[in-house]
Protein backbone atom coordinates (compact mmCIF):
# COMPACT_ATOMS: atom_id res chain seq x y z
CA UNK A 1 0.00 0.00 0.00
CA UNK A 2 1.34 3.40 -0.96
CA UNK A 3 1.37 6.09 1.72
CA UNK A 4 2.37 9.75 1.59
CA UNK A 5 4.71 11.38 4.10
CA UNK A 6 6.35 14.78 4.54
CA UNK A 7 9.16 15.18 2.01
CA UNK A 8 11.66 15.71 4.84
CA UNK A 9 11.18 12.05 5.80
CA UNK A 10 13.46 11.15 2.85
CA UNK A 11 17.10 10.34 3.36
CA UNK A 12 19.72 11.40 0.83
CA UNK A 13 20.62 7.77 -0.06
CA UNK A 14 16.93 7.05 -0.75
CA UNK A 15 16.64 10.12 -2.97
CA UNK A 16 19.82 9.25 -4.86
CA UNK A 17 18.51 5.76 -5.63
CA UNK A 18 15.18 7.14 -6.91
CA UNK A 19 16.29 10.27 -8.76
CA UNK A 20 19.33 8.65 -10.40
CA UNK A 21 17.48 5.57 -11.68
CA UNK A 22 18.02 5.69 -15.46
CA UNK A 23 14.39 4.75 -16.19
CA UNK A 24 13.14 7.58 -13.96
CA UNK A 25 15.61 10.14 -15.35
CA UNK A 26 14.23 9.54 -18.83
CA UNK A 27 11.14 11.53 -17.80
CA UNK A 28 12.82 14.31 -15.79
CA UNK A 29 14.40 17.59 -16.88
CA UNK A 30 17.85 17.21 -18.35
CA UNK A 31 20.49 17.56 -15.65
CA UNK A 32 23.58 15.81 -14.34
CA UNK A 33 23.05 12.82 -12.07
CA UNK A 34 22.41 13.82 -8.48
CA UNK A 35 25.21 13.81 -5.94
CA UNK A 36 24.69 13.77 -2.19
CA UNK A 37 25.15 17.54 -2.21
CA UNK A 38 22.76 18.24 -5.10
CA UNK A 39 20.17 15.83 -3.67
CA UNK A 40 20.35 17.72 -0.38
CA UNK A 41 19.89 21.01 -2.28
CA UNK A 42 16.92 19.51 -4.16
CA UNK A 43 15.38 18.36 -0.86
CA UNK A 44 15.75 21.83 0.64
CA UNK A 45 14.05 23.40 -2.39
CA UNK A 46 11.15 20.93 -2.12
CA UNK A 47 10.83 21.58 1.63
CA UNK A 48 10.62 25.32 0.94
CA UNK A 49 8.05 24.69 -1.81
CA UNK A 50 5.99 22.61 0.63
CA UNK A 51 5.71 25.68 2.90
CA UNK A 52 4.34 27.94 0.13
CA UNK A 53 0.59 28.64 0.13
CA UNK A 54 -1.24 26.32 -2.24
CA UNK A 55 1.66 23.85 -2.43
CA UNK A 56 2.14 20.38 -0.98
CA UNK A 57 5.15 18.10 -1.53
CA UNK A 58 5.15 14.51 -0.26
CA UNK A 59 7.32 11.41 -0.28
CA UNK A 60 5.60 8.22 -1.43
CA UNK A 61 6.41 5.03 0.41
CA UNK A 62 5.49 1.39 -0.02
CA UNK A 63 5.93 0.18 3.52
CA UNK A 64 9.27 1.64 4.61
CA UNK A 65 10.65 1.95 1.06
CA UNK A 66 10.76 5.30 -0.74
CA UNK A 67 9.13 4.67 -4.13
CA UNK A 68 8.48 8.21 -5.31
CA UNK A 69 7.46 11.74 -4.58
CA UNK A 70 4.53 13.85 -5.62
CA UNK A 71 3.18 17.27 -5.08
CA UNK A 72 1.56 20.48 -6.10
CA UNK A 73 4.12 23.19 -6.77
CA UNK A 74 4.02 26.74 -8.09
CA UNK A 75 4.87 27.02 -11.79
CA UNK A 76 4.79 30.56 -13.16
CA UNK A 77 1.16 31.70 -12.86
CA UNK A 78 -0.34 28.28 -12.11
CA UNK A 79 0.10 25.25 -9.89
CA UNK A 80 1.74 22.15 -11.34
CA UNK A 81 1.24 18.60 -10.21
CA UNK A 82 4.33 16.42 -10.04
CA UNK A 83 4.49 12.64 -9.87
CA UNK A 84 7.79 10.78 -9.86
CA UNK A 85 7.55 7.04 -9.23
CA UNK A 86 10.04 4.20 -9.18
CA UNK A 87 9.48 1.91 -12.19
CA UNK A 88 8.06 -0.79 -9.90
CA UNK A 89 5.22 1.61 -9.07
CA UNK A 90 4.45 3.06 -12.50
CA UNK A 91 1.10 1.28 -12.58
CA UNK A 92 0.09 3.29 -9.48
CA UNK A 93 0.25 6.70 -11.15
CA UNK A 94 -3.54 6.92 -11.51
CA UNK A 95 -3.94 6.45 -7.73
CA UNK A 96 -1.37 9.16 -7.01
CA UNK A 97 -3.05 11.50 -9.51
CA UNK A 98 -6.41 10.99 -7.78
CA UNK A 99 -4.81 11.89 -4.45
CA UNK A 100 -3.20 15.02 -5.94
CA UNK A 101 -6.52 16.12 -7.42
CA UNK A 102 -8.17 15.74 -4.00
CA UNK A 103 -5.37 17.75 -2.38
CA UNK A 104 -5.72 20.38 -5.10
CA UNK A 105 -9.43 20.80 -4.41
CA UNK A 106 -8.69 21.00 -0.66
CA UNK A 107 -6.15 23.75 -1.39
CA UNK A 108 -8.85 25.67 -3.29
CA UNK A 109 -7.43 25.12 -6.79
CA UNK A 110 -9.83 24.84 -9.73
CA UNK A 111 -7.20 23.36 -12.06
CA UNK A 112 -3.68 22.00 -12.03
CA UNK A 113 -1.08 21.87 -14.78
CA UNK A 114 0.87 18.75 -15.73
CA UNK A 115 4.11 19.05 -17.68
CA UNK A 116 5.33 15.96 -19.53
CA UNK A 117 8.46 15.87 -21.68
CA UNK A 118 7.52 16.19 -25.35
CA UNK A 119 9.81 13.20 -25.98
CA UNK A 120 7.40 11.02 -23.96
CA UNK A 121 5.17 8.98 -26.25
CA UNK A 122 1.58 10.30 -26.41
CA UNK A 123 -0.12 7.11 -25.36
CA UNK A 124 -3.86 6.68 -24.91
CA UNK A 125 -3.38 6.35 -21.14
CA UNK A 126 -1.92 9.88 -21.01
CA UNK A 127 -4.84 11.20 -23.06
CA UNK A 128 -7.34 9.50 -20.72
CA UNK A 129 -5.66 11.01 -17.65
CA UNK A 130 -4.81 14.48 -18.91
CA UNK A 131 -6.62 15.05 -22.21
CA UNK A 132 -4.71 16.72 -25.03
CA UNK A 133 -1.80 19.11 -24.48
CA UNK A 134 -2.90 22.74 -24.30
CA UNK A 135 0.54 24.12 -25.20
CA UNK A 136 4.29 23.54 -25.06
CA UNK A 137 6.76 25.14 -22.69
CA UNK A 138 10.55 25.00 -22.34
CA UNK A 139 12.15 24.57 -18.91
CA UNK A 140 15.91 24.33 -18.50
CA UNK A 141 16.33 23.38 -22.13
CA UNK A 142 13.69 20.62 -22.11
CA UNK A 143 10.46 20.92 -24.14
CA UNK A 144 7.34 19.89 -22.22
CA UNK A 145 3.73 19.36 -23.28
CA UNK A 146 1.49 21.33 -20.93
CA UNK A 147 -1.83 19.81 -19.87
CA UNK A 148 -4.48 21.69 -17.88
CA UNK A 149 -6.50 19.43 -15.59
CA UNK A 150 -9.82 20.73 -14.29
CA UNK A 151 -10.60 19.84 -10.71
């Protein structure tokens, strides 16, 4: 059973294992592999984001094991949902999305934005979850399809 916990419950070794997994990195922004120092910096940024009004960042665990993170974070003039799961949990993305949508409504949001790399295949499952992309955006040199999800 997947459970959500404050992001500061993560250890640096757990984050390194998740964020440096080659299959996970395929769907993240282009950047060098994480080091202990950069993972600590990333964690501090996510902790600060978690304290912002309208935002919520959580670690996802399966029992004691860190298997992902998710959240609602500020992105320009909107709020973006983020889901990063270990490959063993990819089939659970729909459950995590449902949780994020509930949190979004509780935070008073009427919509959330999802950004998926344009290199990601546009499968029917993505269309069922998010609809069609509303636009493209470039972040740190990576092109993303932008989806607007009504809550």
